[in-house]
Protein backbone atom coordinates (compact mmCIF):
# COMPACT_ATOMS: atom_id res chain seq x y z
CA UNK A 1 -16.73 15.65 -7.65
CA UNK A 2 -13.06 14.96 -7.88
CA UNK A 3 -11.75 13.14 -10.87
CA UNK A 4 -8.94 10.76 -10.17
CA UNK A 5 -6.54 10.45 -13.01
CA UNK A 6 -3.46 8.34 -12.89
CA UNK A 7 -2.44 7.80 -9.34
CA UNK A 8 1.19 7.31 -8.58
CA UNK A 9 2.00 5.03 -5.72
CA UNK A 10 5.13 5.38 -3.83
CA UNK A 11 3.55 3.00 -1.42
CA UNK A 12 5.80 0.85 0.39
CA UNK A 13 6.16 -0.25 -3.11
CA UNK A 14 7.07 2.20 -5.81
CA UNK A 15 10.23 1.49 -3.99
CA UNK A 16 13.86 2.14 -3.88
CA UNK A 17 15.57 -0.70 -5.62
CA UNK A 18 18.23 -2.67 -3.76
CA UNK A 19 19.92 -4.40 -6.65
CA UNK A 20 20.50 -3.98 -10.36
CA UNK A 21 18.70 -7.27 -11.04
CA UNK A 22 15.60 -6.00 -9.25
CA UNK A 23 15.74 -2.82 -11.33
CA UNK A 24 16.17 -4.68 -14.62
CA UNK A 25 13.31 -7.12 -13.97
CA UNK A 26 10.96 -4.44 -12.68
CA UNK A 27 7.60 -4.25 -14.40
CA UNK A 28 4.75 -1.83 -13.88
CA UNK A 29 1.44 -3.19 -12.61
CA UNK A 30 -1.86 -1.34 -12.75
CA UNK A 31 -4.88 -1.18 -10.49
CA UNK A 32 -7.99 -0.35 -12.50
CA UNK A 33 -10.44 2.25 -11.28
CA UNK A 34 -13.79 3.37 -12.59
CA UNK A 35 -14.50 3.90 -16.27
CA UNK A 36 -14.59 7.60 -17.14
CA UNK A 37 -17.93 9.00 -18.23
CA UNK A 38 -18.67 7.91 -21.79
CA UNK A 39 -16.25 4.97 -21.73
CA UNK A 40 -16.52 1.30 -20.90
CA UNK A 41 -12.77 0.99 -20.28
CA UNK A 42 -11.73 1.45 -16.65
CA UNK A 43 -9.01 3.99 -16.06
CA UNK A 44 -5.72 3.18 -14.41
CA UNK A 45 -6.21 4.24 -10.79
CA UNK A 46 -2.76 3.28 -9.51
CA UNK A 47 0.55 1.85 -10.62
CA UNK A 48 3.24 -0.03 -8.74
CA UNK A 49 6.29 -2.16 -9.45
CA UNK A 50 4.74 -4.91 -7.32
CA UNK A 51 1.52 -6.72 -8.40
CA UNK A 52 -1.67 -5.60 -6.64
CA UNK A 53 -3.29 -9.04 -6.60
CA UNK A 54 -0.62 -11.27 -5.06
CA UNK A 55 0.27 -12.34 -1.54
CA UNK A 56 3.81 -11.75 -0.35
CA UNK A 57 4.73 -15.42 -0.81
CA UNK A 58 3.59 -15.30 -4.45
CA UNK A 59 5.87 -12.36 -5.30
CA UNK A 60 9.15 -13.02 -7.07
CA UNK A 61 12.31 -12.73 -4.99
CA UNK A 62 13.08 -9.40 -6.69
CA UNK A 63 9.59 -8.10 -5.85
CA UNK A 64 10.00 -9.26 -2.25
CA UNK A 65 13.29 -7.32 -2.10
CA UNK A 66 11.45 -4.21 -3.29
CA UNK A 67 8.90 -4.62 -0.51
CA UNK A 68 11.52 -5.36 2.15
CA UNK A 69 13.51 -2.26 1.14
CA UNK A 70 10.90 -0.06 2.87
CA UNK A 71 11.46 -1.74 6.23
CA UNK A 72 14.51 -0.65 8.19
CA UNK A 73 16.83 -3.32 9.50
CA UNK A 74 14.74 -6.28 8.37
CA UNK A 75 16.90 -9.40 8.65
CA UNK A 76 17.33 -11.74 5.69
CA UNK A 77 15.25 -14.45 7.39
CA UNK A 78 12.43 -11.99 8.24
CA UNK A 79 9.56 -10.66 6.20
CA UNK A 80 7.18 -7.72 6.66
CA UNK A 81 3.43 -7.81 7.18
CA UNK A 82 1.53 -7.90 3.90
CA UNK A 83 -2.17 -7.79 2.95
CA UNK A 84 -3.60 -11.32 2.55
CA UNK A 85 -5.57 -10.26 -0.54
CA UNK A 86 -2.64 -8.29 -2.00
CA UNK A 87 -2.02 -4.57 -2.23
CA UNK A 88 -5.36 -3.87 -3.93
CA UNK A 89 -7.11 -4.53 -0.61
CA UNK A 90 -5.19 -1.59 0.88
CA UNK A 91 -5.14 0.80 -2.08
CA UNK A 92 -8.80 0.58 -3.06
CA UNK A 93 -9.89 2.00 0.33
CA UNK A 94 -7.27 4.75 -0.01
CA UNK A 95 -8.61 5.71 -3.43
CA UNK A 96 -12.20 5.69 -2.18
CA UNK A 97 -11.31 7.70 0.95
CA UNK A 98 -9.62 10.36 -1.17
CA UNK A 99 -12.61 10.51 -3.49
CA UNK A 100 -15.05 10.87 -0.58
CA UNK A 101 -13.11 13.02 1.90
CA UNK A 102 -9.71 13.86 0.48
CA UNK A 103 -8.10 16.86 -1.06
CA UNK A 104 -5.72 15.00 -3.42
CA UNK A 105 -2.77 15.67 -1.12
CA UNK A 106 -0.14 12.98 -0.72
CA UNK A 107 -0.76 10.79 2.32
CA UNK A 108 1.48 8.88 4.67
CA UNK A 109 -0.28 5.96 6.37
CA UNK A 110 1.09 3.59 8.99
CA UNK A 111 -0.94 0.43 9.52
CA UNK A 112 0.00 -1.31 12.77
CA UNK A 113 -0.22 -5.08 12.27
CA UNK A 114 0.06 -7.38 15.29
CA UNK A 115 1.58 -10.85 15.41
CA UNK A 116 -1.81 -12.40 14.53
CA UNK A 117 -2.16 -10.32 11.35
CA UNK A 118 -4.85 -8.07 12.84
CA UNK A 119 -4.67 -4.32 12.41
CA UNK A 120 -4.16 -2.63 15.79
CA UNK A 121 -4.04 0.95 14.62
CA UNK A 122 -3.97 3.29 11.65
CA UNK A 123 -2.13 6.62 11.57
CA UNK A 124 -2.84 8.96 8.66
CA UNK A 125 -1.10 12.25 7.90
CA UNK A 126 -0.48 14.38 4.89
CA UNK A 127 2.99 13.75 3.53
CA UNK A 128 3.86 17.26 4.76
CA UNK A 129 3.20 16.07 8.32
CA UNK A 130 -0.06 18.02 8.65
CA UNK A 131 -3.11 16.28 10.04
CA UNK A 132 -5.46 14.74 7.46
CA UNK A 133 -9.21 15.36 7.32
CA UNK A 134 -10.78 13.63 10.36
CA UNK A 135 -13.49 12.01 8.20
CA UNK A 136 -10.83 10.54 5.90
CA UNK A 137 -8.87 9.26 8.92
CA UNK A 138 -12.00 7.69 10.46
CA UNK A 139 -12.96 6.03 7.16
CA UNK A 140 -9.46 4.59 6.66
CA UNK A 141 -9.22 3.46 10.28
CA UNK A 142 -12.54 1.61 10.02
CA UNK A 143 -11.79 0.11 6.59
CA UNK A 144 -8.17 -0.88 7.10
CA UNK A 145 -8.94 -2.50 10.47
CA UNK A 146 -11.07 -4.99 8.51
CA UNK A 147 -8.19 -5.80 6.14
CA UNK A 148 -6.51 -9.14 6.83
CA UNK A 149 -2.72 -9.20 6.85
CA UNK A 150 -0.18 -11.96 6.98
CA UNK A 151 1.84 -11.00 10.05
CA UNK A 152 5.47 -10.03 9.90
CA UNK A 153 8.02 -12.69 10.79
CA UNK A 154 11.12 -11.88 12.76
CA UNK A 155 13.05 -15.06 12.11
CA UNK A 156 10.69 -17.97 12.78
CA UNK A 157 8.37 -15.99 15.07
CA UNK A 158 5.36 -13.88 14.09
CA UNK A 159 5.85 -10.32 15.33
CA UNK A 160 4.14 -6.93 15.32
CA UNK A 161 5.26 -4.42 12.69
CA UNK A 162 3.94 -1.34 10.92
CA UNK A 163 3.02 -1.51 7.24
CA UNK A 164 3.92 1.91 5.75
CA UNK A 165 2.06 3.38 2.79
CA UNK A 166 2.87 6.58 0.96
CA UNK A 167 0.48 7.58 -1.78
CA UNK A 168 0.34 10.56 -4.11
CA UNK A 169 -2.79 11.55 -6.01
CA UNK A 170 -2.39 13.25 -9.41
């Protein structure tokens, strides 16, 4: 059985920083996993510079800038799709999928979110571009399709947009 140690997220969220103020105010947030054998203290399963338990609207402006940095050509009055229950609702299934079917290789996941906030499709590849294990892909497709998203907004109109995730397992 694979042991997951610290997991580094370069999700859409261990992000490139757009401004010095965003860099200076950046904190590290943790997603807790299972407690290792013989301990009651859950291990850190993932880290990010954006909280795992907040909706997009509840993020600070600097955190929103970090999220928006992963979306090409996103206008100032637009915002990307974002999980209704926060990033944990996306990363927990990724952690579980890797534990069940993965090989600890970095993954690139594109979650297609329509203008109603429903997931239309999930594309999973190894970061190298190689195809991921079909069981892992099927599990993530099934699980992430049940994840509720706030839709992207292009100006004042809800629009379809992909939610990119890059995750490395260490």
